[in-house]
Amino acid sequence: MKDLVKNIQLILLAVILICTVLAVLLEIRNMFMNQTVTLADLLLMFLYLEVLAMVRVFWDEQSISITLPLLIAITALSRFIILQGKEMDASQIYTSL
């Protein structure tokens, strides 16, 4: 049973890795097609990088420290705030999440 769960974890980890790499390639393609790179694009690329790092760490150690998911969450919140604009009321952040 333990081996089955471990194999399922590794399969799902491989799926996450493939999907993340595909998302990075699509994002680079979109930036190339639009011929612009915004701060939101860079933060999204950083999110992808952190997900790839988390996959690598989990593959090597079979566990994840709390710092990587926290970095992903902080970057995602930063990107969300930037995309909403400066005119957004701060109380709307809580209702949008």
PDB file of N, CA and C in Angstrom:
ATOM      1  N   MET A   1       0.823  -1.199   0.000  1.00  0.00           N
ATOM      2  CA  MET A   1       0.000   0.000   0.000  1.00  0.00           C
ATOM      3  C   MET A   1       0.869   1.265   0.000  1.00  0.00           C
ATOM      4  N   LYS A   2       1.950   1.211   0.792  1.00  0.00           N
ATOM      5  CA  LYS A   2       2.849   2.348   0.895  1.00  0.00           C
ATOM      6  C   LYS A   2       3.506   2.647  -0.458  1.00  0.00           C
ATOM      7  N   ASP A   3       3.906   1.584  -1.178  1.00  0.00           N
ATOM      8  CA  ASP A   3       4.517   1.766  -2.497  1.00  0.00           C
ATOM      9  C   ASP A   3       3.519   2.316  -3.506  1.00  0.00           C
ATOM     10  N   LEU A   4       2.272   1.899  -3.396  1.00  0.00           N
ATOM     11  CA  LEU A   4       1.229   2.386  -4.307  1.00  0.00           C
ATOM     12  C   LEU A   4       1.034   3.889  -4.136  1.00  0.00           C
ATOM     13  N   VAL A   5       0.956   4.335  -2.902  1.00  0.00           N
ATOM     14  CA  VAL A   5       0.786   5.766  -2.623  1.00  0.00           C
ATOM     15  C   VAL A   5       1.997   6.548  -3.108  1.00  0.00           C
ATOM     16  N   LYS A   6       3.184   6.016  -2.896  1.00  0.00           N
ATOM     17  CA  LYS A   6       4.406   6.689  -3.350  1.00  0.00           C
ATOM     18  C   LYS A   6       4.431   6.788  -4.868  1.00  0.00           C
ATOM     19  N   ASN A   7       4.046   5.730  -5.556  1.00  0.00           N
ATOM     20  CA  ASN A   7       4.001   5.759  -7.016  1.00  0.00           C
ATOM     21  C   ASN A   7       2.954   6.745  -7.537  1.00  0.00           C
ATOM     22  N   ILE A   8       1.821   6.809  -6.881  1.00  0.00           N
ATOM     23  CA  ILE A   8       0.795   7.786  -7.270  1.00  0.00           C
ATOM     24  C   ILE A   8       1.313   9.206  -7.073  1.00  0.00           C
ATOM     25  N   GLN A   9       2.001   9.435  -5.955  1.00  0.00           N
ATOM     26  CA  GLN A   9       2.597  10.757  -5.715  1.00  0.00           C
ATOM     27  C   GLN A   9       3.585  11.120  -6.815  1.00  0.00           C
ATOM     28  N   LEU A  10       4.438  10.196  -7.206  1.00  0.00           N
ATOM     29  CA  LEU A  10       5.433  10.474  -8.228  1.00  0.00           C
ATOM     30  C   LEU A  10       4.791  10.701  -9.595  1.00  0.00           C
ATOM     31  N   ILE A  11       3.736   9.968  -9.902  1.00  0.00           N
ATOM     32  CA  ILE A  11       3.019  10.178 -11.161  1.00  0.00           C
ATOM     33  C   ILE A  11       2.378  11.558 -11.184  1.00  0.00           C
ATOM     34  N   LEU A  12       1.719  11.917 -10.093  1.00  0.00           N
ATOM     35  CA  LEU A  12       1.088  13.242 -10.022  1.00  0.00           C
ATOM     36  C   LEU A  12       2.142  14.348 -10.047  1.00  0.00           C
ATOM     37  N   LEU A  13       3.275  14.105  -9.448  1.00  0.00           N
ATOM     38  CA  LEU A  13       4.373  15.062  -9.477  1.00  0.00           C
ATOM     39  C   LEU A  13       4.879  15.255 -10.903  1.00  0.00           C
ATOM     40  N   ALA A  14       4.968  14.185 -11.650  1.00  0.00           N
ATOM     41  CA  ALA A  14       5.377  14.281 -13.054  1.00  0.00           C
ATOM     42  C   ALA A  14       4.336  15.052 -13.873  1.00  0.00           C
ATOM     43  N   VAL A  15       3.069  14.840 -13.588  1.00  0.00           N
ATOM     44  CA  VAL A  15       2.005  15.582 -14.281  1.00  0.00           C
ATOM     45  C   VAL A  15       2.109  17.073 -13.958  1.00  0.00           C
ATOM     46  N   ILE A  16       2.343  17.402 -12.692  1.00  0.00           N
ATOM     47  CA  ILE A  16       2.502  18.805 -12.298  1.00  0.00           C
ATOM     48  C   ILE A  16       3.705  19.415 -13.004  1.00  0.00           C
ATOM     49  N   LEU A  17       4.798  18.671 -13.080  1.00  0.00           N
ATOM     50  CA  LEU A  17       6.006  19.149 -13.753  1.00  0.00           C
ATOM     51  C   LEU A  17       5.741  19.430 -15.231  1.00  0.00           C
ATOM     52  N   ILE A  18       5.104  18.505 -15.912  1.00  0.00           N
ATOM     53  CA  ILE A  18       4.802  18.675 -17.339  1.00  0.00           C
ATOM     54  C   ILE A  18       3.863  19.858 -17.558  1.00  0.00           C
ATOM     55  N   CYS A  19       2.827  19.965 -16.746  1.00  0.00           N
ATOM     56  CA  CYS A  19       1.868  21.070 -16.890  1.00  0.00           C
ATOM     57  C   CYS A  19       2.525  22.423 -16.609  1.00  0.00           C
ATOM     58  N   THR A  20       3.415  22.472 -15.635  1.00  0.00           N
ATOM     59  CA  THR A  20       4.100  23.723 -15.312  1.00  0.00           C
ATOM     60  C   THR A  20       5.028  24.142 -16.445  1.00  0.00           C
ATOM     61  N   VAL A  21       5.775  23.198 -16.991  1.00  0.00           N
ATOM     62  CA  VAL A  21       6.660  23.517 -18.113  1.00  0.00           C
ATOM     63  C   VAL A  21       5.836  23.978 -19.316  1.00  0.00           C
ATOM     64  N   LEU A  22       4.718  23.330 -19.568  1.00  0.00           N
ATOM     65  CA  LEU A  22       3.833  23.742 -20.661  1.00  0.00           C
ATOM     66  C   LEU A  22       3.296  25.153 -20.427  1.00  0.00           C
ATOM     67  N   ALA A  23       2.917  25.456 -19.197  1.00  0.00           N
ATOM     68  CA  ALA A  23       2.413  26.791 -18.869  1.00  0.00           C
ATOM     69  C   ALA A  23       3.495  27.850 -19.055  1.00  0.00           C
ATOM     70  N   VAL A  24       4.731  27.533 -18.688  1.00  0.00           N
ATOM     71  CA  VAL A  24       5.842  28.471 -18.888  1.00  0.00           C
ATOM     72  C   VAL A  24       6.031  28.743 -20.376  1.00  0.00           C
ATOM     73  N   LEU A  25       6.027  27.697 -21.173  1.00  0.00           N
ATOM     74  CA  LEU A  25       6.200  27.870 -22.616  1.00  0.00           C
ATOM     75  C   LEU A  25       5.066  28.697 -23.229  1.00  0.00           C
ATOM     76  N   LEU A  26       3.851  28.453 -22.786  1.00  0.00           N
ATOM     77  CA  LEU A  26       2.715  29.233 -23.289  1.00  0.00           C
ATOM     78  C   LEU A  26       2.817  30.700 -22.877  1.00  0.00           C
ATOM     79  N   GLU A  27       3.266  30.940 -21.664  1.00  0.00           N
ATOM     80  CA  GLU A  27       3.417  32.320 -21.191  1.00  0.00           C
ATOM     81  C   GLU A  27       4.519  33.047 -21.967  1.00  0.00           C
ATOM     82  N   ILE A  28       5.617  32.366 -22.221  1.00  0.00           N
ATOM     83  CA  ILE A  28       6.688  32.971 -23.018  1.00  0.00           C
ATOM     84  C   ILE A  28       6.182  33.262 -24.428  1.00  0.00           C
ATOM     85  N   ARG A  29       5.415  32.345 -24.981  1.00  0.00           N
ATOM     86  CA  ARG A  29       4.823  32.565 -26.309  1.00  0.00           C
ATOM     87  C   ARG A  29       3.899  33.778 -26.310  1.00  0.00           C
ATOM     88  N   ASN A  30       3.080  33.915 -25.266  1.00  0.00           N
ATOM     89  CA  ASN A  30       2.175  35.072 -25.170  1.00  0.00           C
ATOM     90  C   ASN A  30       2.953  36.378 -25.059  1.00  0.00           C
ATOM     91  N   MET A  31       4.022  36.382 -24.274  1.00  0.00           N
ATOM     92  CA  MET A  31       4.829  37.587 -24.153  1.00  0.00           C
ATOM     93  C   MET A  31       5.492  37.931 -25.484  1.00  0.00           C
ATOM     94  N   PHE A  32       5.926  36.912 -26.192  1.00  0.00           N
ATOM     95  CA  PHE A  32       6.537  37.144 -27.499  1.00  0.00           C
ATOM     96  C   PHE A  32       5.514  37.676 -28.500  1.00  0.00           C
ATOM     97  N   MET A  33       4.317  37.089 -28.490  1.00  0.00           N
ATOM     98  CA  MET A  33       3.265  37.522 -29.424  1.00  0.00           C
ATOM     99  C   MET A  33       2.799  38.948 -29.113  1.00  0.00           C
ATOM    100  N   ASN A  34       2.684  39.297 -27.836  1.00  0.00           N
ATOM    101  CA  ASN A  34       2.246  40.639 -27.437  1.00  0.00           C
ATOM    102  C   ASN A  34       3.376  41.661 -27.499  1.00  0.00           C
ATOM    103  N   GLN A  35       4.599  41.182 -27.551  1.00  0.00           N
ATOM    104  CA  GLN A  35       5.799  42.016 -27.572  1.00  0.00           C
ATOM    105  C   GLN A  35       5.868  42.965 -26.373  1.00  0.00           C
ATOM    106  N   THR A  36       5.358  42.500 -25.243  1.00  0.00           N
ATOM    107  CA  THR A  36       5.441  43.255 -23.994  1.00  0.00           C
ATOM    108  C   THR A  36       5.691  42.290 -22.842  1.00  0.00           C
ATOM    109  N   VAL A  37       6.384  42.800 -21.854  1.00  0.00           N
ATOM    110  CA  VAL A  37       6.594  42.046 -20.621  1.00  0.00           C
ATOM    111  C   VAL A  37       6.187  42.962 -19.477  1.00  0.00           C
ATOM    112  N   THR A  38       5.164  42.559 -18.746  1.00  0.00           N
ATOM    113  CA  THR A  38       4.686  43.367 -17.632  1.00  0.00           C
ATOM    114  C   THR A  38       5.159  42.763 -16.313  1.00  0.00           C
ATOM    115  N   LEU A  39       4.973  43.515 -15.256  1.00  0.00           N
ATOM    116  CA  LEU A  39       5.334  43.023 -13.927  1.00  0.00           C
ATOM    117  C   LEU A  39       4.499  41.793 -13.568  1.00  0.00           C
ATOM    118  N   ALA A  40       3.251  41.788 -13.967  1.00  0.00           N
ATOM    119  CA  ALA A  40       2.393  40.629 -13.711  1.00  0.00           C
ATOM    120  C   ALA A  40       2.925  39.392 -14.422  1.00  0.00           C
ATOM    121  N   ASP A  41       3.453  39.565 -15.631  1.00  0.00           N
ATOM    122  CA  ASP A  41       4.052  38.440 -16.353  1.00  0.00           C
ATOM    123  C   ASP A  41       5.273  37.907 -15.619  1.00  0.00           C
ATOM    124  N   LEU A  42       6.097  38.805 -15.139  1.00  0.00           N
ATOM    125  CA  LEU A  42       7.296  38.385 -14.407  1.00  0.00           C
ATOM    126  C   LEU A  42       6.946  37.667 -13.114  1.00  0.00           C
ATOM    127  N   LEU A  43       5.933  38.173 -12.414  1.00  0.00           N
ATOM    128  CA  LEU A  43       5.509  37.505 -11.180  1.00  0.00           C
ATOM    129  C   LEU A  43       4.921  36.131 -11.476  1.00  0.00           C
ATOM    130  N   LEU A  44       4.217  36.004 -12.595  1.00  0.00           N
ATOM    131  CA  LEU A  44       3.673  34.705 -12.984  1.00  0.00           C
ATOM    132  C   LEU A  44       4.805  33.732 -13.306  1.00  0.00           C
ATOM    133  N   MET A  45       5.836  34.220 -13.983  1.00  0.00           N
ATOM    134  CA  MET A  45       6.988  33.367 -14.277  1.00  0.00           C
ATOM    135  C   MET A  45       7.693  32.953 -12.977  1.00  0.00           C
ATOM    136  N   PHE A  46       7.738  33.871 -12.005  1.00  0.00           N
ATOM    137  CA  PHE A  46       8.326  33.542 -10.714  1.00  0.00           C
ATOM    138  C   PHE A  46       7.501  32.470 -10.008  1.00  0.00           C
ATOM    139  N   LEU A  47       6.176  32.543 -10.136  1.00  0.00           N
ATOM    140  CA  LEU A  47       5.320  31.506  -9.558  1.00  0.00           C
ATOM    141  C   LEU A  47       5.631  30.150 -10.178  1.00  0.00           C
ATOM    142  N   TYR A  48       5.770  30.126 -11.493  1.00  0.00           N
ATOM    143  CA  TYR A  48       6.109  28.877 -12.163  1.00  0.00           C
ATOM    144  C   TYR A  48       7.459  28.350 -11.683  1.00  0.00           C
ATOM    145  N   LEU A  49       8.415  29.246 -11.520  1.00  0.00           N
ATOM    146  CA  LEU A  49       9.734  28.852 -11.047  1.00  0.00           C
ATOM    147  C   LEU A  49       9.661  28.245  -9.647  1.00  0.00           C
ATOM    148  N   GLU A  50       8.862  28.839  -8.796  1.00  0.00           N
ATOM    149  CA  GLU A  50       8.705  28.314  -7.433  1.00  0.00           C
ATOM    150  C   GLU A  50       8.009  26.955  -7.433  1.00  0.00           C
ATOM    151  N   VAL A  51       7.051  26.764  -8.321  1.00  0.00           N
ATOM    152  CA  VAL A  51       6.389  25.461  -8.421  1.00  0.00           C
ATOM    153  C   VAL A  51       7.392  24.411  -8.885  1.00  0.00           C
ATOM    154  N   LEU A  52       8.224  24.766  -9.871  1.00  0.00           N
ATOM    155  CA  LEU A  52       9.252  23.837 -10.333  1.00  0.00           C
ATOM    156  C   LEU A  52      10.239  23.506  -9.209  1.00  0.00           C
ATOM    157  N   ALA A  53      10.604  24.495  -8.420  1.00  0.00           N
ATOM    158  CA  ALA A  53      11.501  24.252  -7.288  1.00  0.00           C
ATOM    159  C   ALA A  53      10.846  23.333  -6.260  1.00  0.00           C
ATOM    160  N   MET A  54       9.560  23.536  -6.033  1.00  0.00           N
ATOM    161  CA  MET A  54       8.855  22.694  -5.070  1.00  0.00           C
ATOM    162  C   MET A  54       8.776  21.252  -5.577  1.00  0.00           C
ATOM    163  N   VAL A  55       8.577  21.073  -6.881  1.00  0.00           N
ATOM    164  CA  VAL A  55       8.563  19.726  -7.454  1.00  0.00           C
ATOM    165  C   VAL A  55       9.928  19.068  -7.273  1.00  0.00           C
ATOM    166  N   ARG A  56      11.004  19.824  -7.549  1.00  0.00           N
ATOM    167  CA  ARG A  56      12.355  19.272  -7.408  1.00  0.00           C
ATOM    168  C   ARG A  56      12.650  18.868  -5.968  1.00  0.00           C
ATOM    169  N   VAL A  57      12.290  19.735  -5.032  1.00  0.00           N
ATOM    170  CA  VAL A  57      12.540  19.432  -3.618  1.00  0.00           C
ATOM    171  C   VAL A  57      11.736  18.217  -3.176  1.00  0.00           C
ATOM    172  N   PHE A  58      10.481  18.136  -3.587  1.00  0.00           N
ATOM    173  CA  PHE A  58       9.673  16.982  -3.186  1.00  0.00           C
ATOM    174  C   PHE A  58      10.204  15.701  -3.819  1.00  0.00           C
ATOM    175  N   TRP A  59      10.663  15.791  -5.076  1.00  0.00           N
ATOM    176  CA  TRP A  59      11.207  14.606  -5.747  1.00  0.00           C
ATOM    177  C   TRP A  59      12.458  14.097  -5.022  1.00  0.00           C
ATOM    178  N   ASP A  60      13.309  15.027  -4.580  1.00  0.00           N
ATOM    179  CA  ASP A  60      14.553  14.649  -3.903  1.00  0.00           C
ATOM    180  C   ASP A  60      14.339  14.174  -2.474  1.00  0.00           C
ATOM    181  N   GLU A  61      13.508  14.894  -1.725  1.00  0.00           N
ATOM    182  CA  GLU A  61      13.404  14.655  -0.285  1.00  0.00           C
ATOM    183  C   GLU A  61      12.117  13.961   0.142  1.00  0.00           C
ATOM    184  N   GLN A  62      11.141  13.844  -0.740  1.00  0.00           N
ATOM    185  CA  GLN A  62       9.834  13.254  -0.432  1.00  0.00           C
ATOM    186  C   GLN A  62       9.091  14.008   0.662  1.00  0.00           C
ATOM    187  N   SER A  63       9.440  15.285   0.834  1.00  0.00           N
ATOM    188  CA  SER A  63       8.727  16.154   1.767  1.00  0.00           C
ATOM    189  C   SER A  63       8.914  17.599   1.313  1.00  0.00           C
ATOM    190  N   ILE A  64       8.038  18.468   1.773  1.00  0.00           N
ATOM    191  CA  ILE A  64       8.094  19.875   1.392  1.00  0.00           C
ATOM    192  C   ILE A  64       8.151  20.714   2.661  1.00  0.00           C
ATOM    193  N   SER A  65       9.110  21.631   2.709  1.00  0.00           N
ATOM    194  CA  SER A  65       9.143  22.555   3.832  1.00  0.00           C
ATOM    195  C   SER A  65       8.079  23.632   3.615  1.00  0.00           C
ATOM    196  N   ILE A  66       7.753  24.338   4.633  1.00  0.00           N
ATOM    197  CA  ILE A  66       6.681  25.329   4.568  1.00  0.00           C
ATOM    198  C   ILE A  66       7.095  26.580   3.793  1.00  0.00           C
ATOM    199  N   THR A  67       8.378  26.815   3.612  1.00  0.00           N
ATOM    200  CA  THR A  67       8.827  28.061   2.985  1.00  0.00           C
ATOM    201  C   THR A  67       8.434  28.165   1.515  1.00  0.00           C
ATOM    202  N   LEU A  68       8.528  27.076   0.764  1.00  0.00           N
ATOM    203  CA  LEU A  68       8.189  27.154  -0.661  1.00  0.00           C
ATOM    204  C   LEU A  68       6.710  27.479  -0.898  1.00  0.00           C
ATOM    205  N   PRO A  69       5.772  26.805  -0.250  1.00  0.00           N
ATOM    206  CA  PRO A  69       4.375  27.204  -0.447  1.00  0.00           C
ATOM    207  C   PRO A  69       4.087  28.632   0.028  1.00  0.00           C
ATOM    208  N   LEU A  70       4.792  29.073   1.078  1.00  0.00           N
ATOM    209  CA  LEU A  70       4.613  30.455   1.529  1.00  0.00           C
ATOM    210  C   LEU A  70       5.111  31.460   0.491  1.00  0.00           C
ATOM    211  N   LEU A  71       6.244  31.182  -0.132  1.00  0.00           N
ATOM    212  CA  LEU A  71       6.739  32.056  -1.197  1.00  0.00           C
ATOM    213  C   LEU A  71       5.771  32.100  -2.369  1.00  0.00           C
ATOM    214  N   ILE A  72       5.206  30.962  -2.706  1.00  0.00           N
ATOM    215  CA  ILE A  72       4.227  30.915  -3.798  1.00  0.00           C
ATOM    216  C   ILE A  72       2.996  31.733  -3.437  1.00  0.00           C
ATOM    217  N   ALA A  73       2.526  31.601  -2.208  1.00  0.00           N
ATOM    218  CA  ALA A  73       1.340  32.350  -1.780  1.00  0.00           C
ATOM    219  C   ALA A  73       1.594  33.851  -1.768  1.00  0.00           C
ATOM    220  N   ILE A  74       2.751  34.265  -1.280  1.00  0.00           N
ATOM    221  CA  ILE A  74       3.081  35.697  -1.236  1.00  0.00           C
ATOM    222  C   ILE A  74       3.178  36.260  -2.646  1.00  0.00           C
ATOM    223  N   THR A  75       3.815  35.535  -3.545  1.00  0.00           N
ATOM    224  CA  THR A  75       3.936  35.998  -4.922  1.00  0.00           C
ATOM    225  C   THR A  75       2.572  36.036  -5.602  1.00  0.00           C
ATOM    226  N   ALA A  76       1.737  35.044  -5.346  1.00  0.00           N
ATOM    227  CA  ALA A  76       0.395  35.027  -5.940  1.00  0.00           C
ATOM    228  C   ALA A  76      -0.436  36.209  -5.445  1.00  0.00           C
ATOM    229  N   LEU A  77      -0.340  36.518  -4.160  1.00  0.00           N
ATOM    230  CA  LEU A  77      -1.065  37.676  -3.631  1.00  0.00           C
ATOM    231  C   LEU A  77      -0.540  38.980  -4.222  1.00  0.00           C
ATOM    232  N   SER A  78       0.767  39.079  -4.375  1.00  0.00           N
ATOM    233  CA  SER A  78       1.346  40.277  -4.987  1.00  0.00           C
ATOM    234  C   SER A  78       0.845  40.441  -6.411  1.00  0.00           C
ATOM    235  N   ARG A  79       0.840  39.361  -7.157  1.00  0.00           N
ATOM    236  CA  ARG A  79       0.361  39.406  -8.542  1.00  0.00           C
ATOM    237  C   ARG A  79      -1.122  39.791  -8.584  1.00  0.00           C
ATOM    238  N   PHE A  80      -1.893  39.227  -7.677  1.00  0.00           N
ATOM    239  CA  PHE A  80      -3.321  39.541  -7.621  1.00  0.00           C
ATOM    240  C   PHE A  80      -3.548  41.027  -7.354  1.00  0.00           C
ATOM    241  N   ILE A  81      -2.812  41.584  -6.412  1.00  0.00           N
ATOM    242  CA  ILE A  81      -2.953  43.003  -6.080  1.00  0.00           C
ATOM    243  C   ILE A  81      -2.535  43.876  -7.248  1.00  0.00           C
ATOM    244  N   ILE A  82      -1.446  43.511  -7.914  1.00  0.00           N
ATOM    245  CA  ILE A  82      -0.982  44.291  -9.056  1.00  0.00           C
ATOM    246  C   ILE A  82      -2.002  44.256 -10.192  1.00  0.00           C
ATOM    247  N   LEU A  83      -2.575  43.091 -10.459  1.00  0.00           N
ATOM    248  CA  LEU A  83      -3.551  42.977 -11.543  1.00  0.00           C
ATOM    249  C   LEU A  83      -4.842  43.729 -11.236  1.00  0.00           C
ATOM    250  N   GLN A  84      -5.201  43.856  -9.961  1.00  0.00           N
ATOM    251  CA  GLN A  84      -6.433  44.555  -9.599  1.00  0.00           C
ATOM    252  C   GLN A  84      -6.286  46.062  -9.724  1.00  0.00           C
ATOM    253  N   GLY A  85      -5.092  46.552  -9.627  1.00  0.00           N
ATOM    254  CA  GLY A  85      -4.875  47.983  -9.777  1.00  0.00           C
ATOM    255  C   GLY A  85      -4.864  48.713  -8.449  1.00  0.00           C
ATOM    256  N   LYS A  86      -4.384  49.956  -8.516  1.00  0.00           N
ATOM    257  CA  LYS A  86      -4.267  50.762  -7.303  1.00  0.00           C
ATOM    258  C   LYS A  86      -5.606  51.307  -6.828  1.00  0.00           C
ATOM    259  N   GLU A  87      -6.564  51.407  -7.722  1.00  0.00           N
ATOM    260  CA  GLU A  87      -7.841  52.003  -7.339  1.00  0.00           C
ATOM    261  C   GLU A  87      -8.754  51.054  -6.571  1.00  0.00           C
ATOM    262  N   MET A  88      -8.359  49.787  -6.452  1.00  0.00           N
ATOM    263  CA  MET A  88      -9.177  48.818  -5.740  1.00  0.00           C
ATOM    264  C   MET A  88      -9.178  49.098  -4.242  1.00  0.00           C
ATOM    265  N   ASP A  89     -10.338  48.958  -3.628  1.00  0.00           N
ATOM    266  CA  ASP A  89     -10.467  49.110  -2.190  1.00  0.00           C
ATOM    267  C   ASP A  89      -9.806  47.911  -1.503  1.00  0.00           C
ATOM    268  N   ALA A  90      -9.049  48.158  -0.460  1.00  0.00           N
ATOM    269  CA  ALA A  90      -8.317  47.094   0.222  1.00  0.00           C
ATOM    270  C   ALA A  90      -9.231  46.028   0.814  1.00  0.00           C
ATOM    271  N   SER A  91     -10.441  46.384   1.181  1.00  0.00           N
ATOM    272  CA  SER A  91     -11.362  45.402   1.761  1.00  0.00           C
ATOM    273  C   SER A  91     -11.837  44.394   0.726  1.00  0.00           C
ATOM    274  N   GLN A  92     -11.700  44.688  -0.559  1.00  0.00           N
ATOM    275  CA  GLN A  92     -12.130  43.762  -1.594  1.00  0.00           C
ATOM    276  C   GLN A  92     -11.167  42.601  -1.775  1.00  0.00           C
ATOM    277  N   ILE A  93      -9.963  42.726  -1.293  1.00  0.00           N
ATOM    278  CA  ILE A  93      -8.993  41.635  -1.399  1.00  0.00           C
ATOM    279  C   ILE A  93      -9.520  40.412  -0.667  1.00  0.00           C
ATOM    280  N   TYR A  94     -10.079  40.599   0.495  1.00  0.00           N
ATOM    281  CA  TYR A  94     -10.575  39.480   1.276  1.00  0.00           C
ATOM    282  C   TYR A  94     -11.775  38.827   0.628  1.00  0.00           C
ATOM    283  N   THR A  95     -12.663  39.606   0.032  1.00  0.00           N
ATOM    284  CA  THR A  95     -13.852  39.013  -0.589  1.00  0.00           C
ATOM    285  C   THR A  95     -13.540  38.367  -1.916  1.00  0.00           C
ATOM    286  N   SER A  96     -12.462  38.786  -2.601  1.00  0.00           N
ATOM    287  CA  SER A  96     -12.112  38.192  -3.885  1.00  0.00           C
ATOM    288  C   SER A  96     -11.424  36.857  -3.736  1.00  0.00           C
ATOM    289  N   LEU A  97     -10.745  36.654  -2.622  1.00  0.00           N
ATOM    290  CA  LEU A  97     -10.037  35.397  -2.422  1.00  0.00           C
ATOM    291  C   LEU A  97     -11.033  34.320  -2.050  1.00  0.00           C
TER     292      LEU A  97
END
